[in-house]
Amino acid sequence: MDQIKVGVGVIIWNDNKVLLGKRLGAHGHAEWSFPGGHVEFGETPEYAAIREVEEETALLVGKLNKFHFTSDVFDSGRHYITLFFVAESWSGEVINMEPEKCAEWNWFTPENLPQPLFKPIITLLKEVRLAKR
């Protein structure tokens, strides 16, 4: 049975740059993505977003704002609804907590995003402007 999965992505600003990681898993391999992951059964999307950021980067997110959502069907046949949030407050230093899943984390200006981007981010950028609010 086909199933739609729910993912979260968190846009974290540092000055005028956003945090992106280079994915290593089969899903989106070598593509750049915001911190994020799956919403697990029983979690709120906000809790999942905060949990995923800490698990991946060691950053502690305080307040989140809902930003946008995308719907993407991947070549693999997977269908994801991705809920994007903006971290209004966060603390800590970026540490690559899952080096088996992410090659590196780095900060990029919206005008100089690395390529290739993860499909939900490509869709997001077609629908909204990425700018610090």
N, C-alpha and C. Protein backbone atom coordinates (compact mmCIF):
# COMPACT_ATOMS: atom_id res chain seq x y z
N MET A 1 0.84 -1.19 0.00
CA MET A 1 0.00 0.00 0.00
C MET A 1 0.88 1.24 0.00
N ASP A 2 0.58 2.16 -0.89
CA ASP A 2 1.32 3.42 -0.93
C ASP A 2 0.93 4.28 0.26
N GLN A 3 1.92 5.00 0.75
CA GLN A 3 1.70 5.78 1.96
C GLN A 3 2.42 7.12 1.82
N ILE A 4 1.76 8.18 2.24
CA ILE A 4 2.39 9.49 2.26
C ILE A 4 3.11 9.64 3.59
N LYS A 5 4.35 10.08 3.54
CA LYS A 5 5.13 10.30 4.76
C LYS A 5 5.19 11.79 5.05
N VAL A 6 5.34 12.11 6.33
CA VAL A 6 5.43 13.50 6.76
C VAL A 6 6.84 13.76 7.25
N GLY A 7 7.46 14.76 6.64
CA GLY A 7 8.79 15.17 7.06
C GLY A 7 8.76 16.60 7.57
N VAL A 8 9.84 16.97 8.27
CA VAL A 8 10.00 18.35 8.74
C VAL A 8 11.37 18.84 8.30
N GLY A 9 11.45 20.12 8.03
CA GLY A 9 12.71 20.79 7.73
C GLY A 9 12.76 22.08 8.53
N VAL A 10 13.92 22.38 9.08
CA VAL A 10 14.05 23.57 9.92
C VAL A 10 15.06 24.53 9.31
N ILE A 11 14.60 25.73 9.05
CA ILE A 11 15.45 26.79 8.52
C ILE A 11 16.05 27.52 9.71
N ILE A 12 17.37 27.43 9.82
CA ILE A 12 18.09 28.06 10.94
C ILE A 12 18.98 29.15 10.35
N TRP A 13 18.75 30.36 10.79
CA TRP A 13 19.51 31.52 10.31
C TRP A 13 20.63 31.84 11.27
N ASN A 14 21.78 32.21 10.73
CA ASN A 14 22.91 32.74 11.49
C ASN A 14 23.39 33.94 10.69
N ASP A 15 23.12 35.13 11.19
CA ASP A 15 23.30 36.36 10.43
C ASP A 15 22.42 36.23 9.17
N ASN A 16 23.00 36.29 8.00
CA ASN A 16 22.20 36.18 6.77
C ASN A 16 22.45 34.87 6.05
N LYS A 17 22.79 33.83 6.81
CA LYS A 17 23.07 32.52 6.22
C LYS A 17 22.18 31.46 6.84
N VAL A 18 21.88 30.41 6.04
CA VAL A 18 21.09 29.29 6.53
C VAL A 18 21.97 28.04 6.62
N LEU A 19 21.60 27.16 7.53
CA LEU A 19 22.35 25.92 7.77
C LEU A 19 21.84 24.82 6.84
N LEU A 20 22.78 24.20 6.11
CA LEU A 20 22.46 23.07 5.24
C LEU A 20 23.47 21.95 5.45
N GLY A 21 22.98 20.72 5.36
CA GLY A 21 23.84 19.55 5.47
C GLY A 21 23.81 18.75 4.19
N LYS A 22 24.96 18.11 3.88
CA LYS A 22 25.07 17.27 2.67
C LYS A 22 24.70 15.83 3.05
N ARG A 23 23.57 15.36 2.54
CA ARG A 23 23.00 14.06 2.91
C ARG A 23 23.84 12.90 2.38
N LEU A 24 23.90 11.81 3.18
CA LEU A 24 24.63 10.62 2.77
C LEU A 24 23.75 9.40 2.56
N GLY A 25 22.52 9.43 3.03
CA GLY A 25 21.64 8.26 2.89
C GLY A 25 21.20 8.06 1.44
N ALA A 26 20.55 6.95 1.18
CA ALA A 26 20.07 6.65 -0.17
C ALA A 26 19.03 7.67 -0.62
N HIS A 27 18.23 8.16 0.31
CA HIS A 27 17.18 9.14 0.01
C HIS A 27 17.80 10.54 -0.04
N GLY A 28 18.01 11.04 -1.24
CA GLY A 28 18.60 12.37 -1.39
C GLY A 28 20.12 12.38 -1.25
N HIS A 29 20.77 11.28 -1.60
CA HIS A 29 22.22 11.16 -1.43
C HIS A 29 22.96 12.31 -2.13
N ALA A 30 23.89 12.94 -1.41
CA ALA A 30 24.76 14.02 -1.88
C ALA A 30 24.00 15.32 -2.14
N GLU A 31 22.75 15.39 -1.73
CA GLU A 31 21.97 16.62 -1.87
C GLU A 31 22.00 17.40 -0.55
N TRP A 32 21.88 18.70 -0.66
CA TRP A 32 21.93 19.59 0.50
C TRP A 32 20.54 19.85 1.04
N SER A 33 20.43 19.79 2.38
CA SER A 33 19.12 19.89 3.00
C SER A 33 19.22 20.61 4.34
N PHE A 34 18.11 21.22 4.74
CA PHE A 34 18.01 21.77 6.10
C PHE A 34 18.00 20.61 7.09
N PRO A 35 18.33 20.86 8.36
CA PRO A 35 18.14 19.81 9.36
C PRO A 35 16.66 19.40 9.37
N GLY A 36 16.42 18.12 9.59
CA GLY A 36 15.04 17.66 9.63
C GLY A 36 14.95 16.16 9.54
N GLY A 37 13.74 15.67 9.37
CA GLY A 37 13.54 14.23 9.29
C GLY A 37 12.07 13.90 9.33
N HIS A 38 11.76 12.72 9.85
CA HIS A 38 10.39 12.22 9.87
C HIS A 38 9.67 12.62 11.16
N VAL A 39 8.37 12.84 11.02
CA VAL A 39 7.50 12.97 12.19
C VAL A 39 7.15 11.55 12.60
N GLU A 40 7.45 11.20 13.84
CA GLU A 40 7.15 9.86 14.33
C GLU A 40 5.73 9.83 14.91
N PHE A 41 5.15 8.64 14.91
CA PHE A 41 3.79 8.47 15.40
C PHE A 41 3.65 9.07 16.81
N GLY A 42 2.63 9.90 17.01
CA GLY A 42 2.37 10.49 18.32
C GLY A 42 3.07 11.81 18.57
N GLU A 43 3.99 12.21 17.70
CA GLU A 43 4.71 13.48 17.87
C GLU A 43 3.95 14.62 17.20
N THR A 44 4.12 15.81 17.74
CA THR A 44 3.69 16.98 17.00
C THR A 44 4.78 17.31 15.98
N PRO A 45 4.45 17.96 14.89
CA PRO A 45 5.49 18.36 13.94
C PRO A 45 6.54 19.26 14.59
N GLU A 46 6.12 20.15 15.48
CA GLU A 46 7.07 21.04 16.15
C GLU A 46 8.06 20.25 17.00
N TYR A 47 7.56 19.27 17.74
CA TYR A 47 8.45 18.45 18.57
C TYR A 47 9.43 17.67 17.67
N ALA A 48 8.92 17.11 16.58
CA ALA A 48 9.78 16.36 15.66
C ALA A 48 10.88 17.27 15.11
N ALA A 49 10.53 18.50 14.75
CA ALA A 49 11.50 19.44 14.20
C ALA A 49 12.60 19.75 15.21
N ILE A 50 12.21 20.04 16.44
CA ILE A 50 13.19 20.35 17.49
C ILE A 50 14.07 19.14 17.77
N ARG A 51 13.47 17.95 17.85
CA ARG A 51 14.21 16.71 18.11
C ARG A 51 15.21 16.43 17.00
N GLU A 52 14.77 16.54 15.76
CA GLU A 52 15.66 16.25 14.63
C GLU A 52 16.85 17.21 14.58
N VAL A 53 16.62 18.49 14.81
CA VAL A 53 17.73 19.44 14.81
C VAL A 53 18.77 19.06 15.86
N GLU A 54 18.32 18.73 17.06
CA GLU A 54 19.27 18.36 18.11
C GLU A 54 19.99 17.06 17.77
N GLU A 55 19.26 16.05 17.26
CA GLU A 55 19.88 14.77 16.92
C GLU A 55 20.94 14.92 15.83
N GLU A 56 20.70 15.82 14.87
CA GLU A 56 21.60 15.96 13.73
C GLU A 56 22.74 16.95 13.95
N THR A 57 22.46 18.03 14.69
CA THR A 57 23.42 19.14 14.75
C THR A 57 23.87 19.52 16.16
N ALA A 58 23.22 19.00 17.19
CA ALA A 58 23.45 19.36 18.59
C ALA A 58 22.93 20.75 18.95
N LEU A 59 22.32 21.45 17.99
CA LEU A 59 21.75 22.76 18.31
C LEU A 59 20.44 22.58 19.07
N LEU A 60 20.20 23.48 20.01
CA LEU A 60 18.97 23.47 20.79
C LEU A 60 18.07 24.58 20.27
N VAL A 61 16.93 24.18 19.74
CA VAL A 61 15.98 25.15 19.19
C VAL A 61 15.00 25.55 20.27
N GLY A 62 14.79 26.86 20.38
CA GLY A 62 13.79 27.38 21.32
C GLY A 62 12.46 27.48 20.62
N LYS A 63 12.16 28.64 20.08
CA LYS A 63 10.88 28.89 19.44
C LYS A 63 10.94 28.60 17.94
N LEU A 64 9.88 27.97 17.44
CA LEU A 64 9.72 27.70 16.01
C LEU A 64 8.52 28.45 15.47
N ASN A 65 8.62 28.89 14.23
CA ASN A 65 7.46 29.44 13.52
C ASN A 65 7.17 28.59 12.31
N LYS A 66 5.88 28.30 12.09
CA LYS A 66 5.48 27.58 10.88
C LYS A 66 5.80 28.47 9.69
N PHE A 67 6.31 27.86 8.61
CA PHE A 67 6.72 28.64 7.45
C PHE A 67 5.95 28.27 6.19
N HIS A 68 6.05 27.01 5.76
CA HIS A 68 5.46 26.59 4.49
C HIS A 68 5.46 25.07 4.46
N PHE A 69 4.74 24.49 3.51
CA PHE A 69 4.84 23.04 3.31
C PHE A 69 4.95 22.75 1.83
N THR A 70 5.54 21.59 1.52
CA THR A 70 5.64 21.14 0.14
C THR A 70 5.13 19.71 0.02
N SER A 71 4.80 19.32 -1.19
CA SER A 71 4.38 17.96 -1.50
C SER A 71 5.25 17.48 -2.65
N ASP A 72 6.01 16.42 -2.42
CA ASP A 72 6.95 15.94 -3.43
C ASP A 72 6.86 14.43 -3.59
N VAL A 73 6.82 13.99 -4.85
CA VAL A 73 6.94 12.57 -5.17
C VAL A 73 8.33 12.38 -5.75
N PHE A 74 9.10 11.53 -5.12
CA PHE A 74 10.49 11.28 -5.52
C PHE A 74 10.54 10.19 -6.58
N ASP A 75 11.65 10.14 -7.31
CA ASP A 75 11.84 9.11 -8.34
C ASP A 75 11.72 7.71 -7.75
N SER A 76 12.05 7.57 -6.47
CA SER A 76 11.97 6.27 -5.80
C SER A 76 10.52 5.83 -5.57
N GLY A 77 9.56 6.75 -5.82
CA GLY A 77 8.16 6.44 -5.59
C GLY A 77 7.66 6.90 -4.24
N ARG A 78 8.56 7.40 -3.39
CA ARG A 78 8.15 7.91 -2.09
C ARG A 78 7.44 9.26 -2.27
N HIS A 79 6.41 9.46 -1.46
CA HIS A 79 5.67 10.73 -1.48
C HIS A 79 5.77 11.34 -0.08
N TYR A 80 6.30 12.57 -0.03
CA TYR A 80 6.48 13.27 1.24
C TYR A 80 5.75 14.59 1.24
N ILE A 81 5.08 14.87 2.33
CA ILE A 81 4.65 16.21 2.68
C ILE A 81 5.70 16.70 3.66
N THR A 82 6.36 17.81 3.34
CA THR A 82 7.40 18.35 4.21
C THR A 82 6.91 19.66 4.80
N LEU A 83 6.92 19.72 6.13
CA LEU A 83 6.51 20.90 6.87
C LEU A 83 7.77 21.68 7.24
N PHE A 84 7.86 22.90 6.74
CA PHE A 84 9.03 23.73 7.02
C PHE A 84 8.75 24.71 8.15
N PHE A 85 9.73 24.83 9.02
CA PHE A 85 9.68 25.76 10.14
C PHE A 85 10.90 26.67 10.09
N VAL A 86 10.78 27.83 10.72
CA VAL A 86 11.91 28.72 10.92
C VAL A 86 12.20 28.73 12.42
N ALA A 87 13.46 28.47 12.78
CA ALA A 87 13.87 28.55 14.18
C ALA A 87 14.04 30.03 14.55
N GLU A 88 13.19 30.52 15.42
CA GLU A 88 13.28 31.92 15.85
C GLU A 88 14.38 32.11 16.89
N SER A 89 14.64 31.05 17.63
CA SER A 89 15.74 31.11 18.59
C SER A 89 16.41 29.74 18.65
N TRP A 90 17.71 29.77 18.84
CA TRP A 90 18.49 28.53 18.95
C TRP A 90 19.79 28.85 19.68
N SER A 91 20.42 27.80 20.18
CA SER A 91 21.70 27.99 20.87
C SER A 91 22.60 26.80 20.61
N GLY A 92 23.90 27.02 20.85
CA GLY A 92 24.88 25.96 20.70
C GLY A 92 25.76 26.16 19.48
N GLU A 93 26.65 25.20 19.30
CA GLU A 93 27.55 25.16 18.15
C GLU A 93 27.21 23.94 17.32
N VAL A 94 27.29 24.07 16.01
CA VAL A 94 26.94 22.96 15.12
C VAL A 94 27.99 21.86 15.24
N ILE A 95 27.51 20.66 15.52
CA ILE A 95 28.34 19.45 15.56
C ILE A 95 27.65 18.43 14.67
N ASN A 96 28.41 17.77 13.82
CA ASN A 96 27.83 16.72 12.97
C ASN A 96 27.63 15.47 13.83
N MET A 97 26.42 15.33 14.37
CA MET A 97 26.11 14.25 15.29
C MET A 97 25.87 12.90 14.60
N GLU A 98 25.60 12.93 13.30
CA GLU A 98 25.32 11.70 12.57
C GLU A 98 26.18 11.65 11.29
N PRO A 99 27.50 11.49 11.45
CA PRO A 99 28.39 11.52 10.28
C PRO A 99 28.11 10.41 9.26
N GLU A 100 27.40 9.38 9.67
CA GLU A 100 27.03 8.32 8.73
C GLU A 100 25.85 8.75 7.84
N LYS A 101 25.14 9.82 8.26
CA LYS A 101 23.98 10.31 7.51
C LYS A 101 24.23 11.66 6.85
N CYS A 102 25.26 12.36 7.30
CA CYS A 102 25.51 13.72 6.81
C CYS A 102 27.02 13.94 6.69
N ALA A 103 27.48 14.31 5.51
CA ALA A 103 28.91 14.52 5.28
C ALA A 103 29.42 15.76 6.00
N GLU A 104 28.60 16.83 6.00
CA GLU A 104 29.02 18.08 6.63
C GLU A 104 27.83 19.01 6.78
N TRP A 105 27.97 19.97 7.69
CA TRP A 105 27.03 21.08 7.85
C TRP A 105 27.78 22.36 7.55
N ASN A 106 27.08 23.28 6.88
CA ASN A 106 27.72 24.56 6.59
C ASN A 106 26.65 25.63 6.44
N TRP A 107 27.09 26.90 6.51
CA TRP A 107 26.20 28.06 6.41
C TRP A 107 26.32 28.66 5.02
N PHE A 108 25.16 29.01 4.41
CA PHE A 108 25.11 29.56 3.06
C PHE A 108 24.14 30.72 2.99
N THR A 109 24.49 31.71 2.17
CA THR A 109 23.53 32.78 1.91
C THR A 109 22.48 32.26 0.94
N PRO A 110 21.27 32.80 0.99
CA PRO A 110 20.23 32.35 0.05
C PRO A 110 20.62 32.54 -1.42
N GLU A 111 21.49 33.50 -1.68
CA GLU A 111 21.92 33.75 -3.06
C GLU A 111 23.00 32.76 -3.52
N ASN A 112 23.59 32.05 -2.59
CA ASN A 112 24.71 31.14 -2.90
C ASN A 112 24.48 29.74 -2.35
N LEU A 113 23.30 29.20 -2.53
CA LEU A 113 23.01 27.87 -2.00
C LEU A 113 23.79 26.83 -2.80
N PRO A 114 24.29 25.79 -2.11
CA PRO A 114 25.05 24.74 -2.81
C PRO A 114 24.11 23.89 -3.67
N GLN A 115 24.71 23.18 -4.59
CA GLN A 115 23.96 22.29 -5.48
C GLN A 115 24.53 20.88 -5.36
N PRO A 116 23.75 19.85 -5.55
CA PRO A 116 22.31 19.88 -5.78
C PRO A 116 21.55 20.01 -4.45
N LEU A 117 20.36 20.59 -4.52
CA LEU A 117 19.50 20.73 -3.36
C LEU A 117 18.53 19.56 -3.28
N PHE A 118 18.13 19.21 -2.07
CA PHE A 118 17.14 18.17 -1.80
C PHE A 118 15.80 18.61 -2.42
N LYS A 119 15.08 17.68 -3.03
CA LYS A 119 13.87 18.00 -3.78
C LYS A 119 12.87 18.89 -3.03
N PRO A 120 12.55 18.63 -1.75
CA PRO A 120 11.61 19.53 -1.07
C PRO A 120 12.09 20.98 -0.99
N ILE A 121 13.40 21.19 -0.93
CA ILE A 121 13.91 22.57 -0.90
C ILE A 121 13.76 23.22 -2.27
N ILE A 122 13.98 22.44 -3.33
CA ILE A 122 13.77 22.97 -4.68
C ILE A 122 12.31 23.42 -4.83
N THR A 123 11.39 22.59 -4.38
CA THR A 123 9.97 22.93 -4.44
C THR A 123 9.68 24.16 -3.58
N LEU A 124 10.22 24.19 -2.39
CA LEU A 124 10.03 25.34 -1.49
C LEU A 124 10.46 26.63 -2.16
N LEU A 125 11.63 26.62 -2.78
CA LEU A 125 12.18 27.83 -3.39
C LEU A 125 11.40 28.27 -4.63
N LYS A 126 10.66 27.35 -5.25
CA LYS A 126 9.78 27.73 -6.37
C LYS A 126 8.53 28.43 -5.86
N GLU A 127 8.16 28.15 -4.60
CA GLU A 127 6.90 28.65 -4.06
C GLU A 127 7.04 29.88 -3.17
N VAL A 128 8.17 30.02 -2.48
CA VAL A 128 8.36 31.14 -1.56
C VAL A 128 9.80 31.65 -1.66
N ARG A 129 9.99 32.85 -1.22
CA ARG A 129 11.31 33.44 -1.19
C ARG A 129 11.97 33.11 0.16
N LEU A 130 13.21 32.69 0.11
CA LEU A 130 13.95 32.39 1.31
C LEU A 130 14.67 33.66 1.75
N ALA A 131 14.16 34.28 2.79
CA ALA A 131 14.76 35.52 3.29
C ALA A 131 14.57 35.58 4.79
N LYS A 132 15.56 36.10 5.46
CA LYS A 132 15.47 36.23 6.90
C LYS A 132 14.32 37.18 7.24
N ARG A 133 13.51 36.77 8.19
CA ARG A 133 12.33 37.57 8.57
C ARG A 133 12.58 38.29 9.86
